[in-house]
PDB file of N, CA and C in Angstrom:
ATOM      1  N   MET A   1     173.112  40.252-185.481  1.00  0.00           N
ATOM      2  CA  MET A   1     171.703  39.935-185.638  1.00  0.00           C
ATOM      3  C   MET A   1     171.000  41.136-186.263  1.00  0.00           C
ATOM      4  N   ASP A   2     170.182  40.872-187.245  1.00  0.00           N
ATOM      5  CA  ASP A   2     169.342  41.905-187.853  1.00  0.00           C
ATOM      6  C   ASP A   2     168.060  41.981-187.025  1.00  0.00           C
ATOM      7  N   LEU A   3     167.966  42.992-186.173  1.00  0.00           N
ATOM      8  CA  LEU A   3     166.813  43.093-185.277  1.00  0.00           C
ATOM      9  C   LEU A   3     165.501  43.268-186.021  1.00  0.00           C
ATOM     10  N   ASN A   4     165.500  44.005-187.113  1.00  0.00           N
ATOM     11  CA  ASN A   4     164.261  44.162-187.873  1.00  0.00           C
ATOM     12  C   ASN A   4     163.770  42.814-188.377  1.00  0.00           C
ATOM     13  N   HIS A   5     164.688  42.004-188.864  1.00  0.00           N
ATOM     14  CA  HIS A   5     164.323  40.666-189.339  1.00  0.00           C
ATOM     15  C   HIS A   5     163.813  39.813-188.173  1.00  0.00           C
ATOM     16  N   ALA A   6     164.492  39.889-187.038  1.00  0.00           N
ATOM     17  CA  ALA A   6     164.089  39.102-185.870  1.00  0.00           C
ATOM     18  C   ALA A   6     162.718  39.540-185.350  1.00  0.00           C
ATOM     19  N   TYR A   7     162.494  40.858-185.278  1.00  0.00           N
ATOM     20  CA  TYR A   7     161.189  41.358-184.837  1.00  0.00           C
ATOM     21  C   TYR A   7     160.078  40.885-185.785  1.00  0.00           C
ATOM     22  N   ALA A   8     160.342  40.952-187.083  1.00  0.00           N
ATOM     23  CA  ALA A   8     159.341  40.520-188.068  1.00  0.00           C
ATOM     24  C   ALA A   8     159.071  39.028-187.945  1.00  0.00           C
ATOM     25  N   ALA A   9     160.110  38.234-187.772  1.00  0.00           N
ATOM     26  CA  ALA A   9     159.930  36.787-187.625  1.00  0.00           C
ATOM     27  C   ALA A   9     159.124  36.474-186.367  1.00  0.00           C
ATOM     28  N   HIS A  10     159.388  37.214-185.292  1.00  0.00           N
ATOM     29  CA  HIS A  10     158.642  37.027-184.042  1.00  0.00           C
ATOM     30  C   HIS A  10     157.160  37.348-184.256  1.00  0.00           C
ATOM     31  N   GLN A  11     156.894  38.478-184.900  1.00  0.00           N
ATOM     32  CA  GLN A  11     155.506  38.875-185.158  1.00  0.00           C
ATOM     33  C   GLN A  11     154.807  37.869-186.061  1.00  0.00           C
ATOM     34  N   HIS A  12     155.489  37.381-187.086  1.00  0.00           N
ATOM     35  CA  HIS A  12     154.889  36.391-187.990  1.00  0.00           C
ATOM     36  C   HIS A  12     154.584  35.091-187.252  1.00  0.00           C
ATOM     37  N   ALA A  13     155.466  34.678-186.362  1.00  0.00           N
ATOM     38  CA  ALA A  13     155.216  33.463-185.586  1.00  0.00           C
ATOM     39  C   ALA A  13     153.972  33.634-184.716  1.00  0.00           C
ATOM     40  N   LEU A  14     153.810  34.810-184.119  1.00  0.00           N
ATOM     41  CA  LEU A  14     152.616  35.063-183.304  1.00  0.00           C
ATOM     42  C   LEU A  14     151.349  35.064-184.156  1.00  0.00           C
ATOM     43  N   MET A  15     151.429  35.654-185.340  1.00  0.00           N
ATOM     44  CA  MET A  15     150.257  35.678-186.225  1.00  0.00           C
ATOM     45  C   MET A  15     149.916  34.269-186.709  1.00  0.00           C
ATOM     46  N   ARG A  16     150.939  33.466-187.024  1.00  0.00           N
ATOM     47  CA  ARG A  16     150.676  32.087-187.444  1.00  0.00           C
ATOM     48  C   ARG A  16     150.067  31.284-186.298  1.00  0.00           C
ATOM     49  N   ALA A  17     150.514  31.541-185.071  1.00  0.00           N
ATOM     50  CA  ALA A  17     149.932  30.863-183.912  1.00  0.00           C
ATOM     51  C   ALA A  17     148.462  31.233-183.770  1.00  0.00           C
ATOM     52  N   ASP A  18     148.157  32.500-183.981  1.00  0.00           N
ATOM     53  CA  ASP A  18     146.774  32.967-183.877  1.00  0.00           C
ATOM     54  C   ASP A  18     145.881  32.314-184.930  1.00  0.00           C
ATOM     55  N   ASP A  19     146.443  32.037-186.102  1.00  0.00           N
ATOM     56  CA  ASP A  19     145.676  31.442-187.201  1.00  0.00           C
ATOM     57  C   ASP A  19     145.757  29.918-187.254  1.00  0.00           C
ATOM     58  N   ALA A  20     146.471  29.313-186.318  1.00  0.00           N
ATOM     59  CA  ALA A  20     146.689  27.863-186.355  1.00  0.00           C
ATOM     60  C   ALA A  20     145.368  27.097-186.267  1.00  0.00           C
ATOM     61  N   LEU A  21     145.311  26.007-186.999  1.00  0.00           N
ATOM     62  CA  LEU A  21     144.101  25.184-187.027  1.00  0.00           C
ATOM     63  C   LEU A  21     144.122  24.070-185.989  1.00  0.00           C
ATOM     64  N   SER A  22     145.274  23.793-185.420  1.00  0.00           N
ATOM     65  CA  SER A  22     145.356  22.729-184.418  1.00  0.00           C
ATOM     66  C   SER A  22     146.170  23.212-183.217  1.00  0.00           C
ATOM     67  N   PRO A  23     145.910  22.627-182.052  1.00  0.00           N
ATOM     68  CA  PRO A  23     146.693  22.999-180.870  1.00  0.00           C
ATOM     69  C   PRO A  23     148.192  22.734-181.058  1.00  0.00           C
ATOM     70  N   GLY A  24     148.526  21.676-181.772  1.00  0.00           N
ATOM     71  CA  GLY A  24     149.932  21.368-182.008  1.00  0.00           C
ATOM     72  C   GLY A  24     150.631  22.427-182.835  1.00  0.00           C
ATOM     73  N   ASP A  25     149.946  22.891-183.887  1.00  0.00           N
ATOM     74  CA  ASP A  25     150.515  23.955-184.716  1.00  0.00           C
ATOM     75  C   ASP A  25     150.644  25.248-183.913  1.00  0.00           C
ATOM     76  N   ARG A  26     149.618  25.541-183.117  1.00  0.00           N
ATOM     77  CA  ARG A  26     149.658  26.750-182.290  1.00  0.00           C
ATOM     78  C   ARG A  26     150.847  26.694-181.338  1.00  0.00           C
ATOM     79  N   HIS A  27     151.048  25.554-180.701  1.00  0.00           N
ATOM     80  CA  HIS A  27     152.160  25.376-179.768  1.00  0.00           C
ATOM     81  C   HIS A  27     153.507  25.551-180.484  1.00  0.00           C
ATOM     82  N   ARG A  28     153.624  24.990-181.667  1.00  0.00           N
ATOM     83  CA  ARG A  28     154.870  25.074-182.433  1.00  0.00           C
ATOM     84  C   ARG A  28     155.197  26.532-182.772  1.00  0.00           C
ATOM     85  N   HIS A  29     154.195  27.277-183.208  1.00  0.00           N
ATOM     86  CA  HIS A  29     154.422  28.684-183.562  1.00  0.00           C
ATOM     87  C   HIS A  29     154.725  29.539-182.326  1.00  0.00           C
ATOM     88  N   LEU A  30     154.025  29.268-181.228  1.00  0.00           N
ATOM     89  CA  LEU A  30     154.305  30.014-180.003  1.00  0.00           C
ATOM     90  C   LEU A  30     155.692  29.684-179.460  1.00  0.00           C
ATOM     91  N   SER A  31     156.104  28.443-179.603  1.00  0.00           N
ATOM     92  CA  SER A  31     157.453  28.058-179.170  1.00  0.00           C
ATOM     93  C   SER A  31     158.505  28.791-179.988  1.00  0.00           C
ATOM     94  N   ARG A  32     158.251  28.911-181.283  1.00  0.00           N
ATOM     95  CA  ARG A  32     159.188  29.652-182.149  1.00  0.00           C
ATOM     96  C   ARG A  32     159.230  31.120-181.733  1.00  0.00           C
ATOM     97  N   ALA A  33     158.065  31.710-181.469  1.00  0.00           N
ATOM     98  CA  ALA A  33     158.024  33.110-181.040  1.00  0.00           C
ATOM     99  C   ALA A  33     158.786  33.290-179.727  1.00  0.00           C
ATOM    100  N   ASP A  34     158.627  32.353-178.813  1.00  0.00           N
ATOM    101  CA  ASP A  34     159.319  32.425-177.530  1.00  0.00           C
ATOM    102  C   ASP A  34     160.833  32.331-177.720  1.00  0.00           C
ATOM    103  N   ALA A  35     161.263  31.416-178.590  1.00  0.00           N
ATOM    104  CA  ALA A  35     162.698  31.271-178.856  1.00  0.00           C
ATOM    105  C   ALA A  35     163.264  32.544-179.484  1.00  0.00           C
ATOM    106  N   LEU A  36     162.520  33.125-180.407  1.00  0.00           N
ATOM    107  CA  LEU A  36     162.966  34.374-181.037  1.00  0.00           C
ATOM    108  C   LEU A  36     163.047  35.501-180.011  1.00  0.00           C
ATOM    109  N   ALA A  37     162.059  35.589-179.132  1.00  0.00           N
ATOM    110  CA  ALA A  37     162.076  36.625-178.095  1.00  0.00           C
ATOM    111  C   ALA A  37     163.294  36.454-177.193  1.00  0.00           C
ATOM    112  N   GLY A  38     163.636  35.212-176.889  1.00  0.00           N
ATOM    113  CA  GLY A  38     164.820  34.954-176.074  1.00  0.00           C
ATOM    114  C   GLY A  38     166.101  35.402-176.760  1.00  0.00           C
ATOM    115  N   ARG A  39     166.209  35.120-178.054  1.00  0.00           N
ATOM    116  CA  ARG A  39     167.397  35.529-178.818  1.00  0.00           C
ATOM    117  C   ARG A  39     167.490  37.049-178.912  1.00  0.00           C
ATOM    118  N   ILE A  40     166.337  37.693-179.132  1.00  0.00           N
ATOM    119  CA  ILE A  40     166.308  39.160-179.206  1.00  0.00           C
ATOM    120  C   ILE A  40     166.738  39.753-177.868  1.00  0.00           C
ATOM    121  N   SER A  41     166.192  39.223-176.792  1.00  0.00           N
ATOM    122  CA  SER A  41     166.517  39.716-175.458  1.00  0.00           C
ATOM    123  C   SER A  41     168.005  39.549-175.154  1.00  0.00           C
ATOM    124  N   LEU A  42     168.549  38.381-175.460  1.00  0.00           N
ATOM    125  CA  LEU A  42     169.969  38.130-175.216  1.00  0.00           C
ATOM    126  C   LEU A  42     170.838  39.098-176.015  1.00  0.00           C
ATOM    127  N   PHE A  43     170.487  39.296-177.271  1.00  0.00           N
ATOM    128  CA  PHE A  43     171.237  40.220-178.122  1.00  0.00           C
ATOM    129  C   PHE A  43     171.184  41.633-177.560  1.00  0.00           C
ATOM    130  N   GLN A  44     169.998  42.065-177.151  1.00  0.00           N
ATOM    131  CA  GLN A  44     169.851  43.418-176.616  1.00  0.00           C
ATOM    132  C   GLN A  44     170.624  43.579-175.309  1.00  0.00           C
ATOM    133  N   HIS A  45     170.552  42.564-174.441  1.00  0.00           N
ATOM    134  CA  HIS A  45     171.299  42.635-173.179  1.00  0.00           C
ATOM    135  C   HIS A  45     172.796  42.728-173.449  1.00  0.00           C
ATOM    136  N   THR A  46     173.264  41.980-174.440  1.00  0.00           N
ATOM    137  CA  THR A  46     174.678  42.006-174.798  1.00  0.00           C
ATOM    138  C   THR A  46     175.108  43.412-175.212  1.00  0.00           C
ATOM    139  N   LEU A  47     174.223  44.113-175.894  1.00  0.00           N
ATOM    140  CA  LEU A  47     174.524  45.480-176.338  1.00  0.00           C
ATOM    141  C   LEU A  47     174.246  46.528-175.260  1.00  0.00           C
ATOM    142  N   GLY A  48     173.561  46.124-174.190  1.00  0.00           N
ATOM    143  CA  GLY A  48     173.176  47.077-173.163  1.00  0.00           C
ATOM    144  C   GLY A  48     171.993  47.929-173.574  1.00  0.00           C
ATOM    145  N   ALA A  49     171.176  47.425-174.490  1.00  0.00           N
ATOM    146  CA  ALA A  49     170.036  48.185-175.011  1.00  0.00           C
ATOM    147  C   ALA A  49     168.935  48.310-173.965  1.00  0.00           C
ATOM    148  N   ALA A  50     168.373  49.495-173.846  1.00  0.00           N
ATOM    149  CA  ALA A  50     167.299  49.743-172.883  1.00  0.00           C
ATOM    150  C   ALA A  50     166.065  48.904-173.185  1.00  0.00           C
ATOM    151  N   ALA A  51     165.797  48.626-174.454  1.00  0.00           N
ATOM    152  CA  ALA A  51     164.612  47.849-174.824  1.00  0.00           C
ATOM    153  C   ALA A  51     164.696  46.412-174.329  1.00  0.00           C
ATOM    154  N   ALA A  52     165.876  45.953-173.950  1.00  0.00           N
ATOM    155  CA  ALA A  52     166.031  44.576-173.486  1.00  0.00           C
ATOM    156  C   ALA A  52     165.153  44.307-172.268  1.00  0.00           C
ATOM    157  N   CYS A  53     164.976  45.309-171.430  1.00  0.00           N
ATOM    158  CA  CYS A  53     164.141  45.132-170.238  1.00  0.00           C
ATOM    159  C   CYS A  53     162.706  44.805-170.616  1.00  0.00           C
ATOM    160  N   ALA A  54     162.200  45.432-171.653  1.00  0.00           N
ATOM    161  CA  ALA A  54     160.824  45.184-172.084  1.00  0.00           C
ATOM    162  C   ALA A  54     160.665  43.760-172.587  1.00  0.00           C
ATOM    163  N   TRP A  55     161.637  43.234-173.342  1.00  0.00           N
ATOM    164  CA  TRP A  55     161.555  41.854-173.839  1.00  0.00           C
ATOM    165  C   TRP A  55     161.645  40.873-172.683  1.00  0.00           C
ATOM    166  N   SER A  56     162.494  41.151-171.694  1.00  0.00           N
ATOM    167  CA  SER A  56     162.612  40.262-170.548  1.00  0.00           C
ATOM    168  C   SER A  56     161.307  40.231-169.770  1.00  0.00           C
ATOM    169  N   MET A  57     160.696  41.383-169.563  1.00  0.00           N
ATOM    170  CA  MET A  57     159.430  41.436-168.837  1.00  0.00           C
ATOM    171  C   MET A  57     158.341  40.714-169.615  1.00  0.00           C
ATOM    172  N   HIS A  58     158.361  40.819-170.953  1.00  0.00           N
ATOM    173  CA  HIS A  58     157.374  40.119-171.771  1.00  0.00           C
ATOM    174  C   HIS A  58     157.497  38.618-171.563  1.00  0.00           C
ATOM    175  N   GLN A  59     158.707  38.108-171.533  1.00  0.00           N
ATOM    176  CA  GLN A  59     158.899  36.677-171.359  1.00  0.00           C
ATOM    177  C   GLN A  59     158.422  36.228-169.983  1.00  0.00           C
ATOM    178  N   LEU A  60     158.638  37.054-168.965  1.00  0.00           N
ATOM    179  CA  LEU A  60     158.200  36.686-167.621  1.00  0.00           C
ATOM    180  C   LEU A  60     156.681  36.749-167.494  1.00  0.00           C
ATOM    181  N   ALA A  61     156.051  37.654-168.228  1.00  0.00           N
ATOM    182  CA  ALA A  61     154.606  37.843-168.120  1.00  0.00           C
ATOM    183  C   ALA A  61     153.816  36.881-168.995  1.00  0.00           C
ATOM    184  N   THR A  62     154.471  36.258-169.964  1.00  0.00           N
ATOM    185  CA  THR A  62     153.771  35.365-170.882  1.00  0.00           C
ATOM    186  C   THR A  62     153.530  34.028-170.208  1.00  0.00           C
ATOM    187  N   PRO A  63     152.267  33.578-170.114  1.00  0.00           N
ATOM    188  CA  PRO A  63     151.998  32.289-169.485  1.00  0.00           C
ATOM    189  C   PRO A  63     152.614  31.161-170.308  1.00  0.00           C
ATOM    190  N   PRO A  64     153.052  30.099-169.642  1.00  0.00           N
ATOM    191  CA  PRO A  64     153.638  28.979-170.371  1.00  0.00           C
ATOM    192  C   PRO A  64     152.634  28.353-171.328  1.00  0.00           C
ATOM    193  N   VAL A  65     153.146  27.876-172.438  1.00  0.00           N
ATOM    194  CA  VAL A  65     152.314  27.225-173.451  1.00  0.00           C
ATOM    195  C   VAL A  65     152.088  25.782-173.035  1.00  0.00           C
ATOM    196  N   ALA A  66     150.831  25.373-173.025  1.00  0.00           N
ATOM    197  CA  ALA A  66     150.513  23.998-172.617  1.00  0.00           C
ATOM    198  C   ALA A  66     150.523  23.059-173.798  1.00  0.00           C
TER     199      ALA A  66
END
């Protein structure tokens, strides 16, 4: 996994969610960001990366998307 690419895709999904014109679009972009965060976290845990803890905590602290 190219982490720089994954981080950028995650950030872009969050920015698109922020700019979304409809609740459905916002939900779709936030869902993509959440999926990317999960993949990043899994990859980091597999490598034993210290940053993995921060991604896991972010996922736990993020309220569910309605």
